[in-house]
Protein backbone atom coordinates (compact mmCIF):
# COMPACT_ATOMS: atom_id res chain seq x y z
CA MET A 1 -26.00 33.48 26.40
CA GLN A 2 -23.45 34.20 23.77
CA LYS A 3 -21.03 31.73 25.35
CA VAL A 4 -23.97 29.08 25.82
CA PHE A 5 -24.89 29.49 22.01
CA ALA A 6 -21.20 29.27 21.27
CA ALA A 7 -20.89 25.97 22.83
CA LEU A 8 -23.86 24.59 21.74
CA THR A 9 -22.87 25.43 18.18
CA GLY A 10 -19.20 23.67 18.62
CA ALA A 11 -21.42 20.92 20.08
CA LEU A 12 -23.67 20.54 17.08
CA LEU A 13 -20.35 20.57 14.89
CA ILE A 14 -18.62 18.15 16.41
CA PHE A 15 -21.68 16.04 16.68
CA THR A 16 -22.39 16.56 12.71
CA SER A 17 -18.67 15.71 11.90
CA SER A 18 -18.75 12.45 13.72
CA VAL A 19 -21.97 11.50 12.01
CA PHE A 20 -20.84 12.12 8.61
CA ALA A 21 -17.34 10.55 9.40
CA SER A 22 -19.21 7.46 10.86
CA GLU A 23 -21.51 7.28 7.79
CA LEU A 24 -18.20 8.03 5.46
CA ALA A 25 -16.52 4.63 6.75
CA ASP A 26 -19.56 2.26 6.87
CA ASN A 27 -20.44 3.03 3.09
CA ILE A 28 -16.57 2.70 1.83
CA LYS A 29 -16.69 -0.42 4.06
CA GLN A 30 -20.06 -1.68 2.23
CA ASP A 31 -18.63 -0.84 -1.03
CA TYR A 32 -14.91 -2.88 -0.38
CA ASP A 33 -17.24 -5.87 0.82
CA SER A 34 -19.41 -5.60 -2.40
CA TYR A 35 -17.08 -4.67 -5.01
CA LEU A 36 -13.69 -3.29 -4.25
CA ALA A 37 -12.20 -6.43 -2.70
CA ASP A 38 -13.20 -8.59 -6.01
CA LEU A 39 -11.61 -5.32 -7.62
CA TRP A 40 -8.47 -5.78 -5.61
CA ASP A 41 -8.07 -9.40 -6.42
CA HIS A 42 -8.62 -8.71 -9.95
CA PHE A 43 -5.56 -6.22 -10.13
CA HIS A 44 -3.57 -8.47 -8.04
CA GLN A 45 -3.84 -11.29 -10.10
CA ASN A 46 -3.70 -9.08 -13.70
CA PRO A 47 -0.48 -7.03 -12.82
CA GLU A 48 1.34 -5.59 -16.30
CA LEU A 49 4.74 -4.31 -16.60
CA SER A 50 5.70 -0.69 -17.16
CA LEU A 51 4.92 0.92 -20.36
CA VAL A 52 2.39 -2.31 -21.27
CA GLU A 53 -0.40 -1.72 -18.71
CA TYR A 54 -3.07 -1.89 -21.65
CA ARG A 55 -5.59 -4.29 -19.92
CA THR A 56 -5.11 -2.53 -16.68
CA ALA A 57 -5.47 1.13 -17.93
CA GLU A 58 -8.62 -0.72 -19.94
CA ARG A 59 -10.50 -1.80 -16.72
CA MET A 60 -9.24 1.57 -15.06
CA ALA A 61 -11.04 3.51 -17.98
CA LYS A 62 -14.12 1.37 -17.68
CA GLU A 63 -14.63 1.68 -13.92
CA LEU A 64 -14.32 5.79 -13.83
CA ARG A 65 -16.76 6.29 -16.93
CA ALA A 66 -19.42 3.74 -14.92
CA ALA A 67 -18.91 6.13 -12.09
CA GLY A 68 -19.77 9.11 -13.98
CA PHE A 69 -16.06 10.42 -15.12
CA GLU A 70 -15.56 11.87 -18.57
CA VAL A 71 -12.60 9.45 -19.21
CA THR A 72 -9.64 10.19 -21.87
CA GLU A 73 -7.13 7.19 -22.44
CA ASN A 74 -4.14 6.76 -24.11
CA VAL A 75 -2.66 9.92 -22.49
CA GLY A 76 1.46 9.59 -22.65
CA GLY A 77 1.17 5.87 -23.23
CA THR A 78 -1.24 3.89 -21.64
CA GLY A 79 -2.25 7.03 -19.05
CA VAL A 80 -5.82 7.56 -18.43
CA VAL A 81 -7.53 10.73 -17.07
CA ALA A 82 -10.82 11.11 -15.71
CA LEU A 83 -12.88 14.24 -15.17
CA LEU A 84 -15.43 15.01 -12.89
CA GLU A 85 -17.05 18.69 -13.34
CA ASN A 86 -19.69 19.99 -10.11
CA GLY A 87 -19.66 23.70 -10.53
CA SER A 88 -17.12 26.54 -9.93
CA GLY A 89 -14.18 25.82 -7.36
CA PRO A 90 -10.85 24.24 -7.42
CA LEU A 91 -9.52 21.72 -9.98
CA VAL A 92 -8.09 18.88 -7.76
CA MET A 93 -5.88 16.01 -8.87
CA MET A 94 -5.55 12.56 -7.54
CA ARG A 95 -3.20 10.15 -8.60
CA ALA A 96 -2.57 6.50 -8.77
CA ASP A 97 0.21 4.20 -10.45
CA MET A 98 -0.97 1.07 -11.97
CA ASP A 99 2.21 -0.87 -12.97
CA GLY A 100 3.62 -3.98 -11.71
CA LEU A 101 7.15 -5.42 -11.82
CA PRO A 102 9.30 -8.03 -13.15
CA VAL A 103 8.92 -10.34 -10.12
CA GLU A 104 7.74 -13.99 -9.53
CA GLU A 105 5.15 -13.93 -6.68
CA LYS A 106 6.14 -16.01 -3.87
CA SER A 107 3.75 -14.60 -1.27
CA GLY A 108 1.63 -17.76 -0.51
CA LEU A 109 -1.65 -15.93 -1.41
CA THR A 110 -4.58 -17.93 -2.89
CA ASN A 111 -4.85 -15.15 -5.81
CA ALA A 112 -1.07 -14.84 -6.17
CA SER A 113 -0.32 -13.62 -9.97
CA LYS A 114 0.92 -16.02 -12.00
CA ALA A 115 0.97 -13.79 -14.74
CA ARG A 116 4.15 -13.53 -17.64
CA GLN A 117 4.53 -10.96 -20.20
CA LYS A 118 7.13 -10.14 -22.50
CA ASP A 119 9.23 -6.81 -21.02
CA PRO A 120 9.20 -4.37 -23.66
CA ILE A 121 12.76 -2.95 -22.65
CA THR A 122 14.54 -6.21 -22.37
CA GLY A 123 12.36 -8.56 -24.93
CA ASN A 124 12.43 -11.22 -22.53
CA VAL A 125 9.43 -12.95 -21.03
CA VAL A 126 9.35 -12.58 -17.59
CA PRO A 127 6.97 -13.04 -14.33
CA VAL A 128 5.32 -10.23 -13.17
CA MET A 129 4.01 -9.36 -9.59
CA HIS A 130 2.10 -6.49 -7.83
CA ALA A 131 5.05 -6.08 -5.69
CA CYS A 132 4.91 -2.69 -4.59
CA GLY A 133 0.78 -2.03 -3.93
CA HIS A 134 -0.13 -0.40 -7.10
CA ASP A 135 -3.06 -2.51 -7.32
CA VAL A 136 -4.25 -1.01 -3.65
CA HIS A 137 -3.66 2.47 -5.30
CA ILE A 138 -5.93 1.91 -8.22
CA THR A 139 -8.85 -0.27 -6.37
CA SER A 140 -8.46 2.80 -3.81
CA LEU A 141 -8.83 5.32 -6.98
CA VAL A 142 -12.13 3.74 -8.18
CA GLY A 143 -13.46 3.42 -4.43
CA THR A 144 -13.00 7.34 -4.41
CA ALA A 145 -14.53 7.90 -7.75
CA ARG A 146 -17.62 6.12 -6.60
CA GLN A 147 -17.72 8.15 -3.25
CA MET A 148 -17.30 11.52 -4.72
CA ALA A 149 -19.59 10.83 -7.47
CA ALA A 150 -22.29 10.06 -4.92
CA ARG A 151 -21.23 13.14 -2.69
CA LYS A 152 -21.89 15.94 -5.41
CA ASP A 153 -23.69 17.78 -3.02
CA ASP A 154 -20.62 17.91 -0.66
CA TRP A 155 -18.49 19.55 -2.69
CA SER A 156 -17.85 21.88 -5.82
CA GLY A 157 -15.49 22.37 -8.48
CA THR A 158 -13.61 19.71 -10.61
CA LEU A 159 -11.80 16.31 -9.61
CA MET A 160 -9.01 15.10 -11.65
CA LEU A 161 -8.22 11.21 -11.66
CA ILE A 162 -5.18 10.21 -13.19
CA VAL A 163 -3.93 6.46 -13.57
CA GLN A 164 -0.52 6.68 -14.31
CA PRO A 165 1.64 4.16 -16.23
CA ALA A 166 5.61 3.06 -15.78
CA GLU A 167 6.03 4.71 -12.00
CA GLU A 168 8.64 1.67 -11.32
CA ARG A 169 10.58 3.28 -14.34
CA VAL A 170 9.85 6.99 -13.30
CA LEU A 171 8.75 7.52 -16.78
CA GLY A 172 4.90 7.78 -16.97
CA ALA A 173 4.46 10.76 -15.25
CA ARG A 174 7.02 12.62 -17.57
CA ALA A 175 5.32 10.92 -20.71
CA MET A 176 1.67 12.36 -19.71
CA ARG A 177 3.36 15.61 -18.91
CA ALA A 178 4.66 15.51 -22.63
CA ASP A 179 1.65 14.41 -24.19
CA GLY A 180 -0.17 18.20 -22.99
CA LEU A 181 -1.38 16.72 -19.96
CA TRP A 182 -2.06 20.44 -18.11
CA GLU A 183 -2.98 22.11 -21.71
CA ARG A 184 -5.38 19.47 -22.45
CA PHE A 185 -6.79 18.86 -19.59
CA GLY A 186 -6.29 22.14 -16.80
CA LYS A 187 -3.63 22.41 -14.31
CA PRO A 188 -4.77 21.72 -10.86
CA ASP A 189 -4.68 23.68 -7.83
CA TYR A 190 -3.53 20.72 -5.62
CA ALA A 191 -1.96 17.72 -6.48
CA LEU A 192 -2.50 14.62 -4.43
CA ALA A 193 -1.55 10.91 -4.16
CA LEU A 194 -0.60 8.15 -1.66
CA HIS A 195 1.27 4.98 -1.30
CA VAL A 196 0.64 2.02 0.37
CA GLY A 197 3.24 0.91 2.85
CA ALA A 198 4.45 -3.08 4.01
CA GLY A 199 6.47 -1.52 7.02
CA SER A 200 3.79 0.46 8.31
CA PRO A 201 0.56 -0.58 10.97
CA ALA A 202 -2.34 -1.15 8.51
CA GLY A 203 -5.21 1.46 7.80
CA LYS A 204 -3.01 4.22 9.49
CA ILE A 205 -1.84 7.27 7.99
CA ALA A 206 1.82 9.38 7.37
CA ALA A 207 2.17 12.65 5.60
CA PRO A 208 5.90 14.25 6.37
CA GLU A 209 5.77 17.95 6.51
CA GLY A 210 8.72 18.65 3.45
CA PRO A 211 10.62 15.96 1.90
CA THR A 212 8.59 12.51 1.20
CA TYR A 213 10.76 10.59 -1.30
CA ALA A 214 14.41 11.41 -2.72
CA GLY A 215 15.42 12.68 -5.98
CA ALA A 216 17.20 10.19 -7.79
CA ASP A 217 19.67 10.22 -10.90
CA THR A 218 20.92 7.27 -12.79
CA VAL A 219 24.53 8.02 -13.99
CA ASP A 220 26.70 6.12 -16.47
CA ILE A 221 30.59 6.39 -15.81
CA ILE A 222 32.49 5.14 -19.18
CA VAL A 223 36.20 4.36 -18.29
CA HIS A 224 38.53 4.56 -21.40
CA GLY A 225 41.48 2.47 -21.07
CA ILE A 226 44.34 0.96 -23.53
CA GLY A 227 44.46 -2.76 -24.03
CA THR A 228 46.89 -5.09 -23.77
CA HIS A 229 47.90 -8.14 -22.26
CA GLY A 230 47.66 -9.34 -18.75
CA ALA A 231 51.01 -10.30 -18.31
CA SER A 232 52.40 -6.83 -19.87
CA PRO A 233 50.17 -4.28 -17.86
CA HIS A 234 53.21 -1.31 -18.59
CA ARG A 235 51.78 -1.24 -22.19
CA GLY A 236 48.65 -0.14 -21.50
CA LYS A 237 45.87 1.75 -19.18
CA ASP A 238 43.79 -0.63 -16.75
CA PRO A 239 40.54 0.67 -17.06
CA ILE A 240 39.42 -2.03 -14.07
CA LEU A 241 41.83 -0.23 -12.29
CA ILE A 242 40.71 3.23 -12.71
CA ALA A 243 37.42 2.35 -12.34
CA SER A 244 37.88 0.48 -9.21
CA GLN A 245 39.55 4.13 -7.61
CA ILE A 246 36.43 5.81 -8.99
CA VAL A 247 34.30 3.72 -6.89
CA VAL A 248 36.35 3.84 -3.81
CA ALA A 249 36.35 7.57 -4.20
CA LEU A 250 32.91 8.25 -4.81
CA GLN A 251 32.34 7.24 -1.01
CA THR A 252 33.92 10.16 0.11
CA LEU A 253 31.12 12.54 -1.54
CA VAL A 254 28.52 11.80 1.17
CA ALA A 255 31.00 10.96 4.05
CA ARG A 256 33.02 14.20 3.65
CA GLU A 257 31.61 16.72 1.08
CA LEU A 258 28.00 16.75 2.34
CA ALA A 259 27.21 17.98 5.59
CA PRO A 260 26.44 15.75 8.49
CA HIS A 261 22.52 16.50 8.26
CA SER A 262 22.18 16.58 4.69
CA PRO A 263 21.11 13.09 3.41
CA GLY A 264 22.26 11.95 0.13
CA VAL A 265 23.53 8.42 -1.22
CA VAL A 266 25.91 7.26 -4.12
CA THR A 267 25.60 3.87 -4.81
CA VAL A 268 27.48 1.78 -7.55
CA GLY A 269 24.84 -0.89 -8.59
CA SER A 270 27.11 -2.30 -11.73
CA PHE A 271 30.45 -2.53 -13.14
CA HIS A 272 31.45 -4.20 -16.18
CA SER A 273 34.85 -5.02 -17.99
CA GLY A 274 36.98 -7.37 -19.66
CA THR A 275 36.44 -10.39 -21.73
CA LYS A 276 39.32 -13.05 -20.39
CA HIS A 277 41.42 -13.73 -17.39
CA ASN A 278 44.39 -12.26 -19.17
CA ILE A 279 43.23 -9.53 -21.25
CA ILE A 280 43.37 -5.77 -20.12
CA SER A 281 40.25 -4.31 -21.79
CA ASP A 282 40.19 -0.93 -22.88
CA ARG A 283 36.82 -0.14 -21.33
CA ALA A 284 34.67 -0.19 -18.07
CA HIS A 285 31.16 1.03 -17.65
CA LEU A 286 29.89 1.80 -14.15
CA GLN A 287 26.09 2.30 -13.01
CA LEU A 288 25.33 4.52 -10.42
CA THR A 289 22.09 5.67 -8.67
CA VAL A 290 22.62 9.38 -6.92
CA ARG A 291 19.76 10.39 -4.58
CA ASN A 292 19.17 13.66 -3.03
CA THR A 293 16.80 15.64 -1.14
CA ASN A 294 17.33 19.55 -2.58
CA GLN A 295 18.89 20.72 -5.46
CA GLU A 296 22.10 21.93 -3.52
CA THR A 297 22.89 18.15 -2.66
CA ARG A 298 22.16 17.06 -5.86
CA LYS A 299 24.75 19.57 -7.46
CA ILE A 300 27.55 18.65 -5.12
CA LEU A 301 26.97 14.91 -5.73
CA LEU A 302 27.29 15.20 -9.59
CA ASP A 303 29.57 17.67 -9.62
CA GLY A 304 31.71 15.82 -7.44
CA ILE A 305 31.21 12.45 -9.34
CA GLU A 306 32.41 14.58 -12.85
CA ARG A 307 35.36 15.73 -10.96
CA ILE A 308 36.44 12.21 -9.18
CA ALA A 309 35.94 10.53 -12.58
CA VAL A 310 37.88 12.50 -15.15
CA ASN A 311 40.54 13.19 -12.76
CA ALA A 312 41.05 9.45 -11.64
CA GLY A 313 41.41 8.98 -15.43
CA ARG A 314 44.25 12.07 -15.69
CA MET A 315 45.67 10.47 -12.20
CA ALA A 316 46.14 7.40 -14.33
CA GLY A 317 48.07 9.32 -17.42
CA LEU A 318 45.09 8.72 -19.86
CA PRO A 319 45.61 11.09 -22.73
CA GLU A 320 42.35 14.02 -22.88
CA ASP A 321 40.47 11.97 -25.44
CA LYS A 322 40.85 8.94 -23.33
CA LEU A 323 39.19 10.56 -20.11
CA PRO A 324 36.42 9.04 -18.53
CA GLU A 325 32.88 10.39 -19.50
CA VAL A 326 29.82 10.96 -17.25
CA VAL A 327 26.25 10.72 -18.81
CA VAL A 328 23.28 11.64 -16.57
CA SER A 329 20.52 10.19 -17.84
CA ASN A 330 17.23 11.85 -18.46
CA GLU A 331 15.13 9.71 -16.32
CA SER A 332 16.41 12.05 -13.28
CA VAL A 333 13.75 13.06 -11.18
CA PRO A 334 13.54 15.66 -8.51
CA PRO A 335 12.37 15.29 -4.56
CA THR A 336 8.83 14.66 -3.90
CA LEU A 337 8.11 17.64 -1.03
CA ASN A 338 5.15 17.83 0.73
CA ASP A 339 3.51 21.73 1.08
CA VAL A 340 3.69 22.06 4.70
CA ASN A 341 0.75 24.00 5.39
CA LEU A 342 -1.06 21.84 3.25
CA ALA A 343 0.17 18.54 5.10
CA ARG A 344 -0.84 20.06 7.97
CA ARG A 345 -4.18 20.80 7.07
CA LEU A 346 -5.03 17.43 5.63
CA LYS A 347 -3.44 15.85 8.87
CA MET A 348 -6.23 17.72 10.76
CA ALA A 349 -8.92 17.18 8.59
CA TRP A 350 -7.61 13.19 8.82
CA SER A 351 -7.57 13.33 12.57
CA GLU A 352 -11.51 14.85 12.89
CA ALA A 353 -13.05 12.51 10.58
CA MET A 354 -11.00 9.28 10.99
CA GLY A 355 -9.97 9.31 14.78
CA ASP A 356 -6.85 10.76 16.72
CA ASP A 357 -4.86 7.59 16.21
CA VAL A 358 -5.32 7.31 12.43
CA LEU A 359 -2.20 9.45 12.40
CA PHE A 360 1.44 8.08 12.78
CA GLU A 361 5.07 9.24 11.71
CA GLU A 362 7.18 6.79 9.78
CA PRO A 363 10.54 7.14 10.38
CA PRO A 364 12.52 7.43 6.78
CA GLU A 365 14.52 4.50 6.71
CA GLY A 366 16.03 4.81 2.93
CA MET A 367 15.76 7.27 -0.30
CA GLY A 368 13.55 5.84 -2.24
CA ALA A 369 12.50 7.87 -5.47
CA GLU A 370 9.02 8.76 -7.19
CA ASP A 371 8.14 10.08 -10.28
CA PHE A 372 5.15 11.90 -9.11
CA PRO A 373 6.77 15.24 -8.67
CA MET A 374 7.08 15.47 -12.31
CA PHE A 375 3.67 16.39 -12.11
CA THR A 376 4.41 19.28 -9.52
CA VAL A 377 7.02 21.01 -10.44
CA ASP A 378 7.55 23.40 -14.05
CA PRO A 379 4.87 24.60 -13.16
CA ASP A 380 4.83 24.02 -9.12
CA ILE A 381 1.69 22.86 -7.73
CA THR A 382 0.37 22.70 -4.08
CA SER A 383 0.76 18.79 -3.13
CA VAL A 384 0.64 16.26 -0.62
CA TYR A 385 1.69 12.80 -1.14
CA TRP A 386 0.81 10.60 2.13
CA GLY A 387 1.02 6.92 3.09
CA ILE A 388 -1.13 4.21 3.80
CA GLY A 389 -0.09 1.44 6.14
CA GLY A 390 -0.59 -1.98 5.11
CA THR A 391 0.54 -4.56 7.32
CA PRO A 392 -1.50 -5.97 10.58
CA GLN A 393 0.02 -4.66 13.91
CA GLU A 394 0.91 -7.81 15.78
CA ASP A 395 2.80 -8.55 12.49
CA LEU A 396 5.03 -5.23 12.98
CA ASP A 397 5.16 -6.37 16.66
CA ALA A 398 6.24 -10.25 15.96
CA GLU A 399 9.10 -8.46 13.80
CA GLU A 400 10.28 -6.43 16.67
CA ALA A 401 10.47 -9.75 19.05
CA GLY A 402 12.77 -11.55 16.91
CA GLY A 403 9.58 -13.03 14.76
CA PRO A 404 9.68 -13.54 11.08
CA MET A 405 10.25 -10.28 9.09
CA VAL A 406 7.79 -8.48 6.96
CA PRO A 407 8.87 -8.53 3.76
CA SER A 408 9.93 -5.06 1.85
CA HIS A 409 8.41 -3.53 -1.06
CA HIS A 410 9.56 -5.44 -4.62
CA SER A 411 10.54 -8.46 -2.43
CA PRO A 412 8.64 -11.81 -3.91
CA LEU A 413 7.31 -12.45 -0.51
CA PHE A 414 5.57 -8.98 -0.49
CA ARG A 415 2.35 -8.73 0.71
CA ILE A 416 -0.02 -6.68 2.58
CA SER A 417 -3.73 -6.74 3.94
CA PRO A 418 -5.91 -5.75 1.45
CA GLU A 419 -9.16 -4.49 3.10
CA PRO A 420 -7.54 -1.85 5.38
CA SER A 421 -5.56 -0.58 2.87
CA VAL A 422 -7.95 -0.10 0.73
CA ARG A 423 -10.53 1.39 2.87
CA ALA A 424 -7.98 3.84 4.58
CA GLY A 425 -7.25 4.88 0.89
CA VAL A 426 -10.37 5.71 -0.08
CA GLU A 427 -11.56 7.21 3.19
CA SER A 428 -8.37 9.33 3.69
CA THR A 429 -8.59 10.36 -0.18
CA VAL A 430 -12.27 11.54 0.24
CA VAL A 431 -11.74 13.17 3.31
CA ALA A 432 -8.97 15.21 1.54
CA LEU A 433 -10.86 15.81 -1.48
CA LEU A 434 -13.77 16.96 0.46
CA GLU A 435 -11.23 19.91 2.71
CA LEU A 436 -10.22 20.82 -0.27
CA MET A 437 -13.29 21.27 -2.39
CA GLY A 438 -16.38 20.82 0.43
CA ASP A 439 -19.03 23.39 0.19
């Protein structure tokens, strides 16, 4: 009899779970058709650059207030924090980044952005585009707010929604923390975020167990020289030659100092020196991006850059007061690391609620970086950052068969399918929040 009862109970739970999942998916579709589609269209046509997302932040604050949240604006600049308290329970944070990029949209979409804006860093007026899918992220956040507010009987605790500025410049999360984010609003028990991916099948979910994005450092190397006539190189010290030797030697760090299975990147993205054909300059400037997946790799790479640069100057016979200078920017971000146990827990919840085929493994292709971990370290907060596919499977299959390439992020041709992306973003977030806060 007990076995029969257990079987009936299990069947009832499965039935109840499937009914809930179907009802949630239907509600999200209805909300997309009636409201969120137009909201995504608005955000897509009206992108704003990092640090000056004024209208976007204002609209997000309005949407979250309308959903019933207590909203605070101008956190760390244009950041928005929205809280919904619903009894005792965990404090769970969900973040969405909102900034666009200085790119002219050439996607061919009927709602392509024609926006232009003054860049607060360069002062130049530039075209602006949501070339990384942040319009999907903030639209999904609004959809999540509306669903969670309507389902307060199903969860308890405090939901914190963060609308973050300046992710593309990896400045926004740090600025919000510096503005007393946890001190003012409480330190979350869990932190969540998602990103839409152009190279992934629309509506699918990927959540790595461990490293998700690389840590990144911005490094400048100032190479001093002794200027002279180009026809008399022996009368000076050529900084272009010294800097060139540094560029070549830097490539040995990943190839010969990291273990073969330890990923790392040292890329020299800019090399500036000189003013005229026949003048040996007295200065060269190298700009680097350095990527890692852990602190040990970061130390090896940064120490190696310092060693190579300084000793290249010594090798060239520069005096000690003119040796190359290595400057590591404070814009550095640590790696984005998913908590393994939480990632497994959420993947099980997504699979049960959204179907066994909703999950896919996304092989890493590069070492892109994120400033989301500025929310999750010092102090450490248990977190998961997952991916949402944004391109129809048939387009990915066509590329695989030799057809048109799917445009990458930050490309002027970037485009995703908004409906499956936004709907999956809302559904996966609501399922994750109910898993952590459900009754």
